[in-house]
Amino acid sequence: MTNSPSSVVRRAGLPLPSLPKKVTDAFPNTGRSVLTTKNYLVCYDIADKKRLRKVRKIAYSYALGGQKSAVEAPLDEKSLKELVARLEQVLHDNDKVNIIAFEGEPLCFGKADFITFDKGVIVL
C-alpha cells in the first residue's frame, strides 16, 4: 500500500478534497499552476516615461498587486522566463529591473499578507 496523501486521508477517515483534474486554474487565463508557482518581487527604475508605461503594463500583467515601481508576482518557471523575455524587448541600457524571489516567508507588517502556494492549494 502506498503512502500517497490521498491514501493517508482515506485511512484516517477524512473526506478527500475535491480538486479539479487540472490544477492550472489558480491564475485564470495564465495556465500557471500553484504546484510550481513561487512569489517574486519585480522592481523597476525606468528612465523614459514611455518605456516606464510599457514596463509597468508588462509587470502588472503578472502581478497580484504592488505600489509604483514594485509589484508582487506569483510566477512559475515558464512565466518567469516569459516575463524576462518581454522586458528585455523594451529595456534600454540605462533602465534597471530587479526580479527577486521570496525565499522562505517574508516579514509582513500592517495590512500586508503573504500568500503561500503549498502543493494542493488552489487560489481563486
PDB file of N, CA and C in Angstrom:
ATOM      1  N   MET A   1       0.844  -1.185   0.000  1.00  0.00           N
ATOM      2  CA  MET A   1       0.000   0.000   0.000  1.00  0.00           C
ATOM      3  C   MET A   1       0.888   1.247   0.000  1.00  0.00           C
ATOM      4  N   THR A   2       0.565   2.181  -0.842  1.00  0.00           N
ATOM      5  CA  THR A   2       1.368   3.394  -0.928  1.00  0.00           C
ATOM      6  C   THR A   2       0.967   4.375   0.158  1.00  0.00           C
ATOM      7  N   ASN A   3       1.843   5.300   0.437  1.00  0.00           N
ATOM      8  CA  ASN A   3       1.569   6.332   1.425  1.00  0.00           C
ATOM      9  C   ASN A   3       1.336   7.667   0.749  1.00  0.00           C
ATOM     10  N   SER A   4       0.592   7.669  -0.343  1.00  0.00           N
ATOM     11  CA  SER A   4       0.272   8.924  -1.008  1.00  0.00           C
ATOM     12  C   SER A   4      -0.652   9.726  -0.096  1.00  0.00           C
ATOM     13  N   PRO A   5      -0.700  11.049  -0.276  1.00  0.00           N
ATOM     14  CA  PRO A   5      -1.570  11.862   0.579  1.00  0.00           C
ATOM     15  C   PRO A   5      -3.020  11.386   0.565  1.00  0.00           C
ATOM     16  N   SER A   6      -3.525  10.967  -0.612  1.00  0.00           N
ATOM     17  CA  SER A   6      -4.921  10.544  -0.670  1.00  0.00           C
ATOM     18  C   SER A   6      -5.146   9.247   0.086  1.00  0.00           C
ATOM     19  N   SER A   7      -4.157   8.299   0.056  1.00  0.00           N
ATOM     20  CA  SER A   7      -4.336   7.047   0.800  1.00  0.00           C
ATOM     21  C   SER A   7      -4.271   7.298   2.302  1.00  0.00           C
ATOM     22  N   VAL A   8      -3.434   8.236   2.730  1.00  0.00           N
ATOM     23  CA  VAL A   8      -3.362   8.572   4.153  1.00  0.00           C
ATOM     24  C   VAL A   8      -4.674   9.202   4.608  1.00  0.00           C
ATOM     25  N   VAL A   9      -5.235  10.092   3.790  1.00  0.00           N
ATOM     26  CA  VAL A   9      -6.506  10.746   4.126  1.00  0.00           C
ATOM     27  C   VAL A   9      -7.624   9.713   4.193  1.00  0.00           C
ATOM     28  N   ARG A  10      -7.662   8.778   3.243  1.00  0.00           N
ATOM     29  CA  ARG A  10      -8.700   7.737   3.242  1.00  0.00           C
ATOM     30  C   ARG A  10      -8.609   6.872   4.504  1.00  0.00           C
ATOM     31  N   ARG A  11      -7.378   6.460   4.878  1.00  0.00           N
ATOM     32  CA  ARG A  11      -7.205   5.612   6.066  1.00  0.00           C
ATOM     33  C   ARG A  11      -7.607   6.359   7.330  1.00  0.00           C
ATOM     34  N   ALA A  12      -7.429   7.683   7.337  1.00  0.00           N
ATOM     35  CA  ALA A  12      -7.793   8.469   8.515  1.00  0.00           C
ATOM     36  C   ALA A  12      -9.295   8.726   8.571  1.00  0.00           C
ATOM     37  N   GLY A  13     -10.015   8.342   7.525  1.00  0.00           N
ATOM     38  CA  GLY A  13     -11.465   8.532   7.504  1.00  0.00           C
ATOM     39  C   GLY A  13     -11.882   9.948   7.179  1.00  0.00           C
ATOM     40  N   LEU A  14     -10.962  10.738   6.641  1.00  0.00           N
ATOM     41  CA  LEU A  14     -11.282  12.122   6.291  1.00  0.00           C
ATOM     42  C   LEU A  14     -11.757  12.193   4.845  1.00  0.00           C
ATOM     43  N   PRO A  15     -12.632  13.139   4.532  1.00  0.00           N
ATOM     44  CA  PRO A  15     -13.069  13.267   3.133  1.00  0.00           C
ATOM     45  C   PRO A  15     -11.939  13.801   2.271  1.00  0.00           C
ATOM     46  N   LEU A  16     -11.857  13.295   1.064  1.00  0.00           N
ATOM     47  CA  LEU A  16     -10.855  13.790   0.128  1.00  0.00           C
ATOM     48  C   LEU A  16     -11.271  15.163  -0.370  1.00  0.00           C
ATOM     49  N   PRO A  17     -10.335  16.091  -0.476  1.00  0.00           N
ATOM     50  CA  PRO A  17     -10.695  17.402  -1.032  1.00  0.00           C
ATOM     51  C   PRO A  17     -11.047  17.247  -2.501  1.00  0.00           C
ATOM     52  N   SER A  18     -12.024  18.008  -2.936  1.00  0.00           N
ATOM     53  CA  SER A  18     -12.403  17.933  -4.348  1.00  0.00           C
ATOM     54  C   SER A  18     -11.563  18.927  -5.128  1.00  0.00           C
ATOM     55  N   LEU A  19     -10.594  18.419  -5.865  1.00  0.00           N
ATOM     56  CA  LEU A  19      -9.710  19.244  -6.679  1.00  0.00           C
ATOM     57  C   LEU A  19     -10.055  19.042  -8.136  1.00  0.00           C
ATOM     58  N   PRO A  20      -9.894  20.075  -8.938  1.00  0.00           N
ATOM     59  CA  PRO A  20     -10.115  19.890 -10.368  1.00  0.00           C
ATOM     60  C   PRO A  20      -9.084  18.932 -10.940  1.00  0.00           C
ATOM     61  N   LYS A  21      -9.403  18.332 -12.071  1.00  0.00           N
ATOM     62  CA  LYS A  21      -8.466  17.405 -12.705  1.00  0.00           C
ATOM     63  C   LYS A  21      -7.189  18.109 -13.100  1.00  0.00           C
ATOM     64  N   LYS A  22      -7.284  19.345 -13.507  1.00  0.00           N
ATOM     65  CA  LYS A  22      -6.114  20.140 -13.853  1.00  0.00           C
ATOM     66  C   LYS A  22      -5.975  21.251 -12.826  1.00  0.00           C
ATOM     67  N   VAL A  23      -4.808  21.348 -12.234  1.00  0.00           N
ATOM     68  CA  VAL A  23      -4.579  22.383 -11.233  1.00  0.00           C
ATOM     69  C   VAL A  23      -3.867  23.550 -11.902  1.00  0.00           C
ATOM     70  N   THR A  24      -4.488  24.085 -12.944  1.00  0.00           N
ATOM     71  CA  THR A  24      -3.884  25.206 -13.658  1.00  0.00           C
ATOM     72  C   THR A  24      -4.804  26.418 -13.672  1.00  0.00           C
ATOM     73  N   ASP A  25      -5.912  26.347 -12.956  1.00  0.00           N
ATOM     74  CA  ASP A  25      -6.855  27.444 -12.967  1.00  0.00           C
ATOM     75  C   ASP A  25      -6.703  28.394 -11.790  1.00  0.00           C
ATOM     76  N   ALA A  26      -5.595  28.269 -11.066  1.00  0.00           N
ATOM     77  CA  ALA A  26      -5.383  29.144  -9.919  1.00  0.00           C
ATOM     78  C   ALA A  26      -5.215  30.594 -10.353  1.00  0.00           C
ATOM     79  N   PHE A  27      -4.614  30.799 -11.504  1.00  0.00           N
ATOM     80  CA  PHE A  27      -4.425  32.129 -12.049  1.00  0.00           C
ATOM     81  C   PHE A  27      -5.118  32.150 -13.402  1.00  0.00           C
ATOM     82  N   PRO A  28      -6.383  32.555 -13.425  1.00  0.00           N
ATOM     83  CA  PRO A  28      -7.187  32.457 -14.644  1.00  0.00           C
ATOM     84  C   PRO A  28      -6.501  33.052 -15.873  1.00  0.00           C
ATOM     85  N   ASN A  29      -6.663  32.358 -16.983  1.00  0.00           N
ATOM     86  CA  ASN A  29      -6.158  32.775 -18.299  1.00  0.00           C
ATOM     87  C   ASN A  29      -4.635  32.834 -18.386  1.00  0.00           C
ATOM     88  N   THR A  30      -3.930  32.220 -17.439  1.00  0.00           N
ATOM     89  CA  THR A  30      -2.468  32.241 -17.491  1.00  0.00           C
ATOM     90  C   THR A  30      -1.894  30.857 -17.710  1.00  0.00           C
ATOM     91  N   GLY A  31      -2.616  29.818 -17.307  1.00  0.00           N
ATOM     92  CA  GLY A  31      -2.100  28.465 -17.408  1.00  0.00           C
ATOM     93  C   GLY A  31      -1.096  28.141 -16.317  1.00  0.00           C
ATOM     94  N   ARG A  32      -0.876  29.068 -15.370  1.00  0.00           N
ATOM     95  CA  ARG A  32       0.095  28.833 -14.296  1.00  0.00           C
ATOM     96  C   ARG A  32      -0.502  27.918 -13.242  1.00  0.00           C
ATOM     97  N   SER A  33       0.301  27.046 -12.691  1.00  0.00           N
ATOM     98  CA  SER A  33      -0.124  26.082 -11.688  1.00  0.00           C
ATOM     99  C   SER A  33       0.412  26.466 -10.326  1.00  0.00           C
ATOM    100  N   VAL A  34      -0.399  26.253  -9.285  1.00  0.00           N
ATOM    101  CA  VAL A  34       0.063  26.538  -7.929  1.00  0.00           C
ATOM    102  C   VAL A  34       1.161  25.577  -7.510  1.00  0.00           C
ATOM    103  N   LEU A  35       1.265  24.442  -8.163  1.00  0.00           N
ATOM    104  CA  LEU A  35       2.248  23.442  -7.764  1.00  0.00           C
ATOM    105  C   LEU A  35       3.671  23.875  -8.080  1.00  0.00           C
ATOM    106  N   THR A  36       3.842  24.786  -9.020  1.00  0.00           N
ATOM    107  CA  THR A  36       5.183  25.208  -9.417  1.00  0.00           C
ATOM    108  C   THR A  36       5.370  26.716  -9.299  1.00  0.00           C
ATOM    109  N   THR A  37       4.462  27.391  -8.628  1.00  0.00           N
ATOM    110  CA  THR A  37       4.497  28.846  -8.551  1.00  0.00           C
ATOM    111  C   THR A  37       5.226  29.314  -7.299  1.00  0.00           C
ATOM    112  N   LYS A  38       5.988  30.387  -7.482  1.00  0.00           N
ATOM    113  CA  LYS A  38       6.764  30.994  -6.404  1.00  0.00           C
ATOM    114  C   LYS A  38       6.530  32.504  -6.461  1.00  0.00           C
ATOM    115  N   ASN A  39       6.557  33.170  -5.323  1.00  0.00           N
ATOM    116  CA  ASN A  39       6.360  34.616  -5.293  1.00  0.00           C
ATOM    117  C   ASN A  39       7.651  35.357  -5.612  1.00  0.00           C
ATOM    118  N   TYR A  40       7.532  36.386  -6.435  1.00  0.00           N
ATOM    119  CA  TYR A  40       8.668  37.243  -6.812  1.00  0.00           C
ATOM    120  C   TYR A  40       8.287  38.692  -6.584  1.00  0.00           C
ATOM    121  N   LEU A  41       9.288  39.499  -6.306  1.00  0.00           N
ATOM    122  CA  LEU A  41       9.128  40.934  -6.238  1.00  0.00           C
ATOM    123  C   LEU A  41       9.813  41.502  -7.478  1.00  0.00           C
ATOM    124  N   VAL A  42       9.055  42.213  -8.292  1.00  0.00           N
ATOM    125  CA  VAL A  42       9.582  42.816  -9.515  1.00  0.00           C
ATOM    126  C   VAL A  42       9.670  44.322  -9.278  1.00  0.00           C
ATOM    127  N   CYS A  43      10.891  44.841  -9.253  1.00  0.00           N
ATOM    128  CA  CYS A  43      11.137  46.267  -9.012  1.00  0.00           C
ATOM    129  C   CYS A  43      11.786  46.867 -10.252  1.00  0.00           C
ATOM    130  N   TYR A  44      11.374  48.057 -10.610  1.00  0.00           N
ATOM    131  CA  TYR A  44      11.938  48.656 -11.818  1.00  0.00           C
ATOM    132  C   TYR A  44      12.152  50.151 -11.648  1.00  0.00           C
ATOM    133  N   ASP A  45      13.194  50.639 -12.321  1.00  0.00           N
ATOM    134  CA  ASP A  45      13.533  52.058 -12.370  1.00  0.00           C
ATOM    135  C   ASP A  45      13.834  52.360 -13.832  1.00  0.00           C
ATOM    136  N   ILE A  46      12.880  52.982 -14.503  1.00  0.00           N
ATOM    137  CA  ILE A  46      12.958  53.195 -15.944  1.00  0.00           C
ATOM    138  C   ILE A  46      13.115  54.687 -16.221  1.00  0.00           C
ATOM    139  N   ALA A  47      14.104  55.032 -17.041  1.00  0.00           N
ATOM    140  CA  ALA A  47      14.444  56.433 -17.301  1.00  0.00           C
ATOM    141  C   ALA A  47      13.411  57.157 -18.161  1.00  0.00           C
ATOM    142  N   ASP A  48      12.859  56.509 -19.145  1.00  0.00           N
ATOM    143  CA  ASP A  48      11.960  57.142 -20.107  1.00  0.00           C
ATOM    144  C   ASP A  48      10.500  56.862 -19.740  1.00  0.00           C
ATOM    145  N   LYS A  49       9.652  57.900 -19.761  1.00  0.00           N
ATOM    146  CA  LYS A  49       8.251  57.747 -19.354  1.00  0.00           C
ATOM    147  C   LYS A  49       7.483  56.783 -20.263  1.00  0.00           C
ATOM    148  N   LYS A  50       7.772  56.815 -21.553  1.00  0.00           N
ATOM    149  CA  LYS A  50       7.080  55.924 -22.486  1.00  0.00           C
ATOM    150  C   LYS A  50       7.444  54.460 -22.195  1.00  0.00           C
ATOM    151  N   ARG A  51       8.729  54.197 -21.978  1.00  0.00           N
ATOM    152  CA  ARG A  51       9.160  52.830 -21.637  1.00  0.00           C
ATOM    153  C   ARG A  51       8.648  52.432 -20.262  1.00  0.00           C
ATOM    154  N   LEU A  52       8.575  53.395 -19.334  1.00  0.00           N
ATOM    155  CA  LEU A  52       8.054  53.121 -17.997  1.00  0.00           C
ATOM    156  C   LEU A  52       6.623  52.577 -18.083  1.00  0.00           C
ATOM    157  N   ARG A  53       5.789  53.213 -18.921  1.00  0.00           N
ATOM    158  CA  ARG A  53       4.409  52.743 -19.092  1.00  0.00           C
ATOM    159  C   ARG A  53       4.383  51.321 -19.646  1.00  0.00           C
ATOM    160  N   LYS A  54       5.276  51.031 -20.605  1.00  0.00           N
ATOM    161  CA  LYS A  54       5.335  49.684 -21.182  1.00  0.00           C
ATOM    162  C   LYS A  54       5.774  48.655 -20.146  1.00  0.00           C
ATOM    163  N   VAL A  55       6.810  48.977 -19.389  1.00  0.00           N
ATOM    164  CA  VAL A  55       7.314  48.061 -18.360  1.00  0.00           C
ATOM    165  C   VAL A  55       6.254  47.851 -17.283  1.00  0.00           C
ATOM    166  N   ARG A  56       5.598  48.922 -16.860  1.00  0.00           N
ATOM    167  CA  ARG A  56       4.544  48.813 -15.842  1.00  0.00           C
ATOM    168  C   ARG A  56       3.420  47.899 -16.335  1.00  0.00           C
ATOM    169  N   LYS A  57       3.025  48.069 -17.586  1.00  0.00           N
ATOM    170  CA  LYS A  57       1.958  47.237 -18.153  1.00  0.00           C
ATOM    171  C   LYS A  57       2.371  45.763 -18.173  1.00  0.00           C
ATOM    172  N   ILE A  58       3.605  45.491 -18.550  1.00  0.00           N
ATOM    173  CA  ILE A  58       4.106  44.110 -18.573  1.00  0.00           C
ATOM    174  C   ILE A  58       4.145  43.547 -17.155  1.00  0.00           C
ATOM    175  N   ALA A  59       4.734  44.295 -16.214  1.00  0.00           N
ATOM    176  CA  ALA A  59       4.880  43.816 -14.831  1.00  0.00           C
ATOM    177  C   ALA A  59       3.518  43.549 -14.193  1.00  0.00           C
ATOM    178  N   TYR A  60       2.579  44.471 -14.375  1.00  0.00           N
ATOM    179  CA  TYR A  60       1.261  44.303 -13.765  1.00  0.00           C
ATOM    180  C   TYR A  60       0.439  43.194 -14.422  1.00  0.00           C
ATOM    181  N   SER A  61       0.800  42.791 -15.624  1.00  0.00           N
ATOM    182  CA  SER A  61       0.073  41.679 -16.246  1.00  0.00           C
ATOM    183  C   SER A  61       0.383  40.353 -15.544  1.00  0.00           C
ATOM    184  N   TYR A  62       1.441  40.307 -14.741  1.00  0.00           N
ATOM    185  CA  TYR A  62       1.814  39.111 -13.981  1.00  0.00           C
ATOM    186  C   TYR A  62       1.557  39.281 -12.483  1.00  0.00           C
ATOM    187  N   ALA A  63       1.192  40.459 -12.045  1.00  0.00           N
ATOM    188  CA  ALA A  63       1.214  40.813 -10.622  1.00  0.00           C
ATOM    189  C   ALA A  63      -0.095  40.556  -9.897  1.00  0.00           C
ATOM    190  N   LEU A  64       0.051  40.319  -8.594  1.00  0.00           N
ATOM    191  CA  LEU A  64      -1.097  40.302  -7.688  1.00  0.00           C
ATOM    192  C   LEU A  64      -1.426  41.729  -7.263  1.00  0.00           C
ATOM    193  N   GLY A  65      -0.419  42.547  -7.192  1.00  0.00           N
ATOM    194  CA  GLY A  65      -0.583  43.932  -6.771  1.00  0.00           C
ATOM    195  C   GLY A  65       0.783  44.541  -6.553  1.00  0.00           C
ATOM    196  N   GLY A  66       0.777  45.801  -6.197  1.00  0.00           N
ATOM    197  CA  GLY A  66       2.052  46.455  -5.964  1.00  0.00           C
ATOM    198  C   GLY A  66       1.865  47.932  -5.759  1.00  0.00           C
ATOM    199  N   GLN A  67       2.985  48.629  -5.656  1.00  0.00           N
ATOM    200  CA  GLN A  67       2.967  50.071  -5.488  1.00  0.00           C
ATOM    201  C   GLN A  67       4.030  50.691  -6.369  1.00  0.00           C
ATOM    202  N   LYS A  68       3.642  51.664  -7.118  1.00  0.00           N
ATOM    203  CA  LYS A  68       4.536  52.404  -8.001  1.00  0.00           C
ATOM    204  C   LYS A  68       5.441  51.474  -8.800  1.00  0.00           C
ATOM    205  N   SER A  69       6.702  51.361  -8.436  1.00  0.00           N
ATOM    206  CA  SER A  69       7.662  50.606  -9.243  1.00  0.00           C
ATOM    207  C   SER A  69       8.057  49.265  -8.631  1.00  0.00           C
ATOM    208  N   ALA A  70       7.178  48.693  -7.842  1.00  0.00           N
ATOM    209  CA  ALA A  70       7.437  47.373  -7.251  1.00  0.00           C
ATOM    210  C   ALA A  70       6.135  46.587  -7.199  1.00  0.00           C
ATOM    211  N   VAL A  71       6.148  45.385  -7.750  1.00  0.00           N
ATOM    212  CA  VAL A  71       4.950  44.547  -7.755  1.00  0.00           C
ATOM    213  C   VAL A  71       5.294  43.139  -7.285  1.00  0.00           C
ATOM    214  N   GLU A  72       4.317  42.487  -6.654  1.00  0.00           N
ATOM    215  CA  GLU A  72       4.458  41.100  -6.236  1.00  0.00           C
ATOM    216  C   GLU A  72       3.800  40.231  -7.293  1.00  0.00           C
ATOM    217  N   ALA A  73       4.542  39.239  -7.773  1.00  0.00           N
ATOM    218  CA  ALA A  73       4.038  38.407  -8.864  1.00  0.00           C
ATOM    219  C   ALA A  73       4.267  36.925  -8.578  1.00  0.00           C
ATOM    220  N   PRO A  74       3.194  36.126  -8.598  1.00  0.00           N
ATOM    221  CA  PRO A  74       3.370  34.676  -8.486  1.00  0.00           C
ATOM    222  C   PRO A  74       3.730  34.127  -9.865  1.00  0.00           C
ATOM    223  N   LEU A  75       4.907  33.532  -9.987  1.00  0.00           N
ATOM    224  CA  LEU A  75       5.380  33.071 -11.290  1.00  0.00           C
ATOM    225  C   LEU A  75       5.880  31.636 -11.215  1.00  0.00           C
ATOM    226  N   ASP A  76       5.559  30.865 -12.249  1.00  0.00           N
ATOM    227  CA  ASP A  76       6.227  29.580 -12.392  1.00  0.00           C
ATOM    228  C   ASP A  76       7.419  29.810 -13.312  1.00  0.00           C
ATOM    229  N   GLU A  77       8.194  28.772 -13.572  1.00  0.00           N
ATOM    230  CA  GLU A  77       9.424  28.939 -14.354  1.00  0.00           C
ATOM    231  C   GLU A  77       9.130  29.476 -15.761  1.00  0.00           C
ATOM    232  N   LYS A  78       8.089  28.961 -16.381  1.00  0.00           N
ATOM    233  CA  LYS A  78       7.731  29.396 -17.736  1.00  0.00           C
ATOM    234  C   LYS A  78       7.331  30.881 -17.746  1.00  0.00           C
ATOM    235  N   SER A  79       6.509  31.283 -16.786  1.00  0.00           N
ATOM    236  CA  SER A  79       6.074  32.682 -16.711  1.00  0.00           C
ATOM    237  C   SER A  79       7.228  33.616 -16.402  1.00  0.00           C
ATOM    238  N   LEU A  80       8.153  33.160 -15.547  1.00  0.00           N
ATOM    239  CA  LEU A  80       9.325  33.973 -15.233  1.00  0.00           C
ATOM    240  C   LEU A  80      10.159  34.217 -16.490  1.00  0.00           C
ATOM    241  N   LYS A  81      10.403  33.168 -17.251  1.00  0.00           N
ATOM    242  CA  LYS A  81      11.174  33.310 -18.494  1.00  0.00           C
ATOM    243  C   LYS A  81      10.446  34.208 -19.486  1.00  0.00           C
ATOM    244  N   GLU A  82       9.133  34.069 -19.553  1.00  0.00           N
ATOM    245  CA  GLU A  82       8.323  34.900 -20.454  1.00  0.00           C
ATOM    246  C   GLU A  82       8.390  36.366 -20.040  1.00  0.00           C
ATOM    247  N   LEU A  83       8.283  36.628 -18.732  1.00  0.00           N
ATOM    248  CA  LEU A  83       8.371  37.999 -18.217  1.00  0.00           C
ATOM    249  C   LEU A  83       9.720  38.616 -18.572  1.00  0.00           C
ATOM    250  N   VAL A  84      10.799  37.876 -18.331  1.00  0.00           N
ATOM    251  CA  VAL A  84      12.147  38.380 -18.629  1.00  0.00           C
ATOM    252  C   VAL A  84      12.291  38.671 -20.119  1.00  0.00           C
ATOM    253  N   ALA A  85      11.810  37.777 -20.965  1.00  0.00           N
ATOM    254  CA  ALA A  85      11.911  37.975 -22.414  1.00  0.00           C
ATOM    255  C   ALA A  85      11.133  39.217 -22.858  1.00  0.00           C
ATOM    256  N   ARG A  86       9.934  39.406 -22.298  1.00  0.00           N
ATOM    257  CA  ARG A  86       9.127  40.577 -22.664  1.00  0.00           C
ATOM    258  C   ARG A  86       9.795  41.870 -22.211  1.00  0.00           C
ATOM    259  N   LEU A  87      10.372  41.848 -21.008  1.00  0.00           N
ATOM    260  CA  LEU A  87      11.045  43.045 -20.504  1.00  0.00           C
ATOM    261  C   LEU A  87      12.293  43.366 -21.316  1.00  0.00           C
ATOM    262  N   GLU A  88      13.046  42.340 -21.696  1.00  0.00           N
ATOM    263  CA  GLU A  88      14.271  42.567 -22.478  1.00  0.00           C
ATOM    264  C   GLU A  88      13.984  43.256 -23.803  1.00  0.00           C
ATOM    265  N   GLN A  89      12.803  43.070 -24.359  1.00  0.00           N
ATOM    266  CA  GLN A  89      12.441  43.707 -25.625  1.00  0.00           C
ATOM    267  C   GLN A  89      12.229  45.209 -25.473  1.00  0.00           C
ATOM    268  N   VAL A  90      11.916  45.652 -24.255  1.00  0.00           N
ATOM    269  CA  VAL A  90      11.567  47.046 -24.002  1.00  0.00           C
ATOM    270  C   VAL A  90      12.720  47.842 -23.376  1.00  0.00           C
ATOM    271  N   LEU A  91      13.537  47.192 -22.548  1.00  0.00           N
ATOM    272  CA  LEU A  91      14.535  47.895 -21.735  1.00  0.00           C
ATOM    273  C   LEU A  91      15.719  48.423 -22.538  1.00  0.00           C
ATOM    274  N   HIS A  92      16.250  49.528 -22.048  1.00  0.00           N
ATOM    275  CA  HIS A  92      17.484  50.111 -22.570  1.00  0.00           C
ATOM    276  C   HIS A  92      18.578  49.943 -21.516  1.00  0.00           C
ATOM    277  N   ASP A  93      19.813  50.288 -21.895  1.00  0.00           N
ATOM    278  CA  ASP A  93      20.958  50.099 -21.003  1.00  0.00           C
ATOM    279  C   ASP A  93      20.862  50.893 -19.703  1.00  0.00           C
ATOM    280  N   ASN A  94      20.205  52.054 -19.731  1.00  0.00           N
ATOM    281  CA  ASN A  94      20.131  52.883 -18.520  1.00  0.00           C
ATOM    282  C   ASN A  94      18.916  52.558 -17.648  1.00  0.00           C
ATOM    283  N   ASP A  95      18.117  51.562 -18.020  1.00  0.00           N
ATOM    284  CA  ASP A  95      16.978  51.113 -17.216  1.00  0.00           C
ATOM    285  C   ASP A  95      17.440  50.024 -16.243  1.00  0.00           C
ATOM    286  N   LYS A  96      16.666  49.845 -15.176  1.00  0.00           N
ATOM    287  CA  LYS A  96      17.022  48.832 -14.188  1.00  0.00           C
ATOM    288  C   LYS A  96      15.778  48.058 -13.772  1.00  0.00           C
ATOM    289  N   VAL A  97      15.877  46.721 -13.786  1.00  0.00           N
ATOM    290  CA  VAL A  97      14.809  45.857 -13.294  1.00  0.00           C
ATOM    291  C   VAL A  97      15.442  44.794 -12.411  1.00  0.00           C
ATOM    292  N   ASN A  98      14.883  44.608 -11.234  1.00  0.00           N
ATOM    293  CA  ASN A  98      15.297  43.535 -10.329  1.00  0.00           C
ATOM    294  C   ASN A  98      14.113  42.611 -10.135  1.00  0.00           C
ATOM    295  N   ILE A  99      14.329  41.313 -10.292  1.00  0.00           N
ATOM    296  CA  ILE A  99      13.308  40.309 -10.018  1.00  0.00           C
ATOM    297  C   ILE A  99      13.859  39.448  -8.890  1.00  0.00           C
ATOM    298  N   ILE A 100      13.228  39.549  -7.743  1.00  0.00           N
ATOM    299  CA  ILE A 100      13.741  38.932  -6.528  1.00  0.00           C
ATOM    300  C   ILE A 100      12.777  37.846  -6.061  1.00  0.00           C
ATOM    301  N   ALA A 101      13.284  36.625  -5.908  1.00  0.00           N
ATOM    302  CA  ALA A 101      12.464  35.507  -5.428  1.00  0.00           C
ATOM    303  C   ALA A 101      12.352  35.562  -3.908  1.00  0.00           C
ATOM    304  N   PHE A 102      11.148  35.313  -3.393  1.00  0.00           N
ATOM    305  CA  PHE A 102      10.969  35.184  -1.950  1.00  0.00           C
ATOM    306  C   PHE A 102      11.470  33.808  -1.533  1.00  0.00           C
ATOM    307  N   GLU A 103      12.416  33.777  -0.642  1.00  0.00           N
ATOM    308  CA  GLU A 103      12.892  32.518  -0.069  1.00  0.00           C
ATOM    309  C   GLU A 103      12.358  32.450   1.350  1.00  0.00           C
ATOM    310  N   GLY A 104      11.683  31.382   1.679  1.00  0.00           N
ATOM    311  CA  GLY A 104      11.075  31.290   2.997  1.00  0.00           C
ATOM    312  C   GLY A 104       9.907  32.254   3.077  1.00  0.00           C
ATOM    313  N   GLU A 105       9.592  32.679   4.276  1.00  0.00           N
ATOM    314  CA  GLU A 105       8.476  33.604   4.448  1.00  0.00           C
ATOM    315  C   GLU A 105       9.000  35.005   4.740  1.00  0.00           C
ATOM    316  N   PRO A 106       8.536  36.005   4.001  1.00  0.00           N
ATOM    317  CA  PRO A 106       8.986  37.383   4.249  1.00  0.00           C
ATOM    318  C   PRO A 106       8.330  37.948   5.506  1.00  0.00           C
ATOM    319  N   LEU A 107       8.896  39.017   6.025  1.00  0.00           N
ATOM    320  CA  LEU A 107       8.283  39.728   7.138  1.00  0.00           C
ATOM    321  C   LEU A 107       7.189  40.617   6.567  1.00  0.00           C
ATOM    322  N   CYS A 108       5.994  40.526   7.120  1.00  0.00           N
ATOM    323  CA  CYS A 108       4.863  41.330   6.644  1.00  0.00           C
ATOM    324  C   CYS A 108       4.378  42.204   7.795  1.00  0.00           C
ATOM    325  N   PHE A 109       4.180  43.499   7.528  1.00  0.00           N
ATOM    326  CA  PHE A 109       3.752  44.440   8.544  1.00  0.00           C
ATOM    327  C   PHE A 109       2.462  45.119   8.106  1.00  0.00           C
ATOM    328  N   GLY A 110       1.725  45.663   9.068  1.00  0.00           N
ATOM    329  CA  GLY A 110       0.494  46.368   8.755  1.00  0.00           C
ATOM    330  C   GLY A 110      -0.531  45.437   8.137  1.00  0.00           C
ATOM    331  N   LYS A 111      -1.093  45.840   7.003  1.00  0.00           N
ATOM    332  CA  LYS A 111      -2.111  45.044   6.332  1.00  0.00           C
ATOM    333  C   LYS A 111      -1.517  44.012   5.382  1.00  0.00           C
ATOM    334  N   ALA A 112      -0.196  43.986   5.285  1.00  0.00           N
ATOM    335  CA  ALA A 112       0.470  43.069   4.366  1.00  0.00           C
ATOM    336  C   ALA A 112       0.167  41.628   4.749  1.00  0.00           C
ATOM    337  N   ASP A 113      -0.028  40.791   3.735  1.00  0.00           N
ATOM    338  CA  ASP A 113      -0.302  39.378   3.952  1.00  0.00           C
ATOM    339  C   ASP A 113       0.423  38.586   2.884  1.00  0.00           C
ATOM    340  N   PHE A 114       1.224  37.611   3.307  1.00  0.00           N
ATOM    341  CA  PHE A 114       1.974  36.787   2.371  1.00  0.00           C
ATOM    342  C   PHE A 114       1.116  35.619   1.926  1.00  0.00           C
ATOM    343  N   ILE A 115       1.055  35.396   0.639  1.00  0.00           N
ATOM    344  CA  ILE A 115       0.287  34.292   0.078  1.00  0.00           C
ATOM    345  C   ILE A 115       1.236  33.143  -0.211  1.00  0.00           C
ATOM    346  N   THR A 116       0.955  31.995   0.387  1.00  0.00           N
ATOM    347  CA  THR A 116       1.791  30.827   0.120  1.00  0.00           C
ATOM    348  C   THR A 116       1.138  29.954  -0.928  1.00  0.00           C
ATOM    349  N   PHE A 117       1.945  29.230  -1.645  1.00  0.00           N
ATOM    350  CA  PHE A 117       1.455  28.343  -2.688  1.00  0.00           C
ATOM    351  C   PHE A 117       1.904  26.929  -2.366  1.00  0.00           C
ATOM    352  N   ASP A 118       1.239  26.329  -1.380  1.00  0.00           N
ATOM    353  CA  ASP A 118       1.559  24.965  -0.993  1.00  0.00           C
ATOM    354  C   ASP A 118       0.980  23.988  -1.998  1.00  0.00           C
ATOM    355  N   LYS A 119       1.614  22.831  -2.109  1.00  0.00           N
ATOM    356  CA  LYS A 119       1.154  21.795  -3.019  1.00  0.00           C
ATOM    357  C   LYS A 119      -0.292  21.438  -2.674  1.00  0.00           C
ATOM    358  N   GLY A 120      -1.140  21.463  -3.668  1.00  0.00           N
ATOM    359  CA  GLY A 120      -2.535  21.108  -3.470  1.00  0.00           C
ATOM    360  C   GLY A 120      -3.438  22.275  -3.129  1.00  0.00           C
ATOM    361  N   VAL A 121      -2.888  23.477  -2.959  1.00  0.00           N
ATOM    362  CA  VAL A 121      -3.690  24.646  -2.649  1.00  0.00           C
ATOM    363  C   VAL A 121      -4.104  25.324  -3.938  1.00  0.00           C
ATOM    364  N   ILE A 122      -5.360  25.701  -4.017  1.00  0.00           N
ATOM    365  CA  ILE A 122      -5.854  26.386  -5.205  1.00  0.00           C
ATOM    366  C   ILE A 122      -6.311  27.777  -4.786  1.00  0.00           C
ATOM    367  N   VAL A 123      -5.774  28.794  -5.413  1.00  0.00           N
ATOM    368  CA  VAL A 123      -6.137  30.169  -5.114  1.00  0.00           C
ATOM    369  C   VAL A 123      -7.122  30.635  -6.168  1.00  0.00           C
ATOM    370  N   LEU A 124      -8.285  31.066  -5.725  1.00  0.00           N
ATOM    371  CA  LEU A 124      -9.307  31.543  -6.667  1.00  0.00           C
ATOM    372  C   LEU A 124      -9.605  32.993  -6.432  1.00  0.00           C
TER     373      LEU A 124
END
